[in-house]
Amino acid sequence: MGERIGEKIGWSGGWCGGFIWVAISSVIFLYRGRWGEGLSGLALVAAAGASIFLAAPWRHPTTPYWRLMLPPFVLLLGSAGWGVWAYGGAEEIGLDWWSLFWILPLLLPFVNAGKIRWQDNHNAPQKERKE
């Protein structure tokens, strides 16, 4: 297998991009003296970074992607909960129970890429079969 650098950037950059708002919000909370929100947000970002690194598919080439996506995904859901809490609660930011349906599109990667494994390497050129 080659470097597959694009896939590595996609995994790392995609997940990190999902948590960047937590890091920025946490720094703003710390600046404003809201230590609980700021420090808990930074802890969440650190846990997310660790899960992104430790669950990387190239570190576990035989594990299906759906299992590797679980730890960062659970932390991503946790970051949404953190955001609701940090910004004053569901009523304060205008959420109701219908807002939970916005989670459904986030489940699509489990369906689309769930069974794929790193070792499958679908991007590699296929060898011609001799019949």
Protein backbone atom coordinates (compact mmCIF):
# COMPACT_ATOMS: atom_id res chain seq x y z
CA MET A 1 0.00 0.00 0.00
CA GLY A 2 1.23 3.45 -0.87
CA GLU A 3 1.13 6.50 1.30
CA ARG A 4 -2.60 7.18 0.74
CA ILE A 5 -1.95 10.66 2.09
CA GLY A 6 -5.24 12.06 0.79
CA GLU A 7 -7.25 9.55 2.79
CA LYS A 8 -5.21 10.26 5.90
CA ILE A 9 -5.78 14.00 5.49
CA GLY A 10 -9.48 13.34 4.92
CA TRP A 11 -9.84 11.32 8.11
CA SER A 12 -7.81 13.65 10.31
CA GLY A 13 -8.91 16.94 8.76
CA GLY A 14 -12.56 15.97 8.56
CA TRP A 15 -12.83 14.96 12.18
CA CYS A 16 -10.72 17.90 13.39
CA GLY A 17 -12.94 20.23 11.38
CA GLY A 18 -15.94 18.88 13.26
CA PHE A 19 -14.42 19.91 16.58
CA ILE A 20 -12.78 23.23 15.71
CA TRP A 21 -15.83 25.19 16.83
CA VAL A 22 -15.50 23.65 20.30
CA ALA A 23 -11.87 24.77 20.56
CA ILE A 24 -12.69 28.31 19.44
CA SER A 25 -15.70 28.56 21.74
CA SER A 26 -13.66 27.23 24.66
CA VAL A 27 -10.98 29.86 24.19
CA ILE A 28 -13.65 32.56 24.07
CA PHE A 29 -15.24 31.20 27.26
CA LEU A 30 -11.84 31.21 28.99
CA TYR A 31 -11.23 34.78 27.86
CA ARG A 32 -14.58 35.80 29.34
CA GLY A 33 -13.79 34.06 32.63
CA ARG A 34 -16.25 31.20 32.21
CA TRP A 35 -13.77 28.59 33.40
CA GLY A 36 -16.14 25.62 33.61
CA GLU A 37 -17.29 25.93 30.01
CA GLY A 38 -13.82 26.74 28.70
CA LEU A 39 -11.90 24.00 30.46
CA SER A 40 -14.51 21.33 29.81
CA GLY A 41 -14.56 22.29 26.13
CA LEU A 42 -10.78 22.03 25.90
CA ALA A 43 -10.94 18.64 27.61
CA LEU A 44 -13.51 17.55 25.04
CA VAL A 45 -11.25 18.72 22.20
CA ALA A 46 -8.28 16.86 23.71
CA ALA A 47 -10.34 13.66 24.02
CA ALA A 48 -11.52 14.09 20.43
CA GLY A 49 -7.95 14.55 19.19
CA ALA A 50 -6.87 11.41 21.00
CA SER A 51 -9.78 9.39 19.61
CA ILE A 52 -9.14 10.65 16.07
CA PHE A 53 -5.50 9.61 16.32
CA LEU A 54 -6.03 6.31 18.14
CA ALA A 55 -8.96 5.16 15.97
CA ALA A 56 -7.29 6.07 12.66
CA PRO A 57 -7.98 3.40 10.03
CA TRP A 58 -4.33 3.01 9.03
CA ARG A 59 -3.57 2.04 12.62
CA HIS A 60 -6.26 -0.69 12.46
CA PRO A 61 -6.33 -1.85 8.82
CA THR A 62 -8.58 -4.88 9.39
CA THR A 63 -11.26 -3.10 11.45
CA PRO A 64 -14.42 -1.89 9.67
CA TYR A 65 -14.79 1.87 9.50
CA TRP A 66 -18.05 1.87 11.44
CA ARG A 67 -16.19 0.66 14.53
CA LEU A 68 -13.41 3.21 14.04
CA MET A 69 -15.88 6.06 13.62
CA LEU A 70 -17.71 5.34 16.88
CA PRO A 71 -15.33 7.04 19.38
CA PRO A 72 -15.02 10.34 17.48
CA PHE A 73 -18.74 10.26 16.65
CA VAL A 74 -19.75 9.81 20.29
CA LEU A 75 -17.51 12.76 21.18
CA LEU A 76 -19.06 14.76 18.33
CA LEU A 77 -22.50 14.15 19.82
CA GLY A 78 -21.04 15.05 23.20
CA SER A 79 -19.76 18.31 21.77
CA ALA A 80 -23.29 19.17 20.64
CA GLY A 81 -24.49 18.52 24.19
CA TRP A 82 -21.60 20.58 25.52
CA GLY A 83 -22.60 23.43 23.21
CA VAL A 84 -26.21 23.36 24.39
CA TRP A 85 -25.07 23.39 28.02
CA ALA A 86 -22.34 26.02 27.54
CA TYR A 87 -24.62 28.43 25.73
CA GLY A 88 -27.37 28.33 28.34
CA GLY A 89 -29.56 25.32 27.62
CA ALA A 90 -31.95 24.20 24.92
CA GLU A 91 -34.61 26.82 25.58
CA GLU A 92 -32.08 29.63 25.66
CA ILE A 93 -30.75 28.80 22.20
CA GLY A 94 -34.14 27.93 20.71
CA LEU A 95 -34.04 24.13 20.48
CA ASP A 96 -36.91 21.73 20.99
CA TRP A 97 -37.17 17.96 20.73
CA TRP A 98 -37.60 18.18 16.93
CA SER A 99 -34.04 19.44 16.75
CA LEU A 100 -32.85 15.91 17.50
CA PHE A 101 -33.75 14.94 13.93
CA TRP A 102 -30.69 16.91 12.75
CA ILE A 103 -28.61 14.02 14.08
CA LEU A 104 -29.98 11.61 11.46
CA PRO A 105 -27.87 12.89 8.51
CA LEU A 106 -24.78 12.44 10.69
CA LEU A 107 -25.42 8.69 10.63
CA LEU A 108 -24.97 8.42 6.84
CA PRO A 109 -21.22 7.68 7.00
CA PHE A 110 -21.98 4.58 9.04
CA VAL A 111 -24.18 3.37 6.18
CA ASN A 112 -21.98 4.49 3.27
CA ALA A 113 -18.55 3.46 4.52
CA GLY A 114 -19.40 1.26 7.47
CA LYS A 115 -18.15 -2.09 6.19
CA ILE A 116 -15.08 -0.79 4.37
CA ARG A 117 -11.70 -1.50 5.94
CA TRP A 118 -8.41 0.30 5.35
CA GLN A 119 -6.86 -2.84 3.89
CA ASP A 120 -9.60 -3.05 1.24
CA ASN A 121 -7.96 -0.10 -0.60
CA HIS A 122 -10.74 0.53 -3.11
CA ASN A 123 -8.62 3.22 -4.81
CA ALA A 124 -5.85 0.84 -5.88
CA PRO A 125 -5.74 -0.11 -9.55
CA GLN A 126 -7.27 -3.52 -10.10
CA LYS A 127 -5.15 -6.27 -11.58
CA GLU A 128 -6.44 -7.84 -14.72
CA ARG A 129 -7.72 -11.35 -14.34
CA LYS A 130 -6.40 -14.04 -16.60
CA GLU A 131 -9.08 -16.43 -17.67
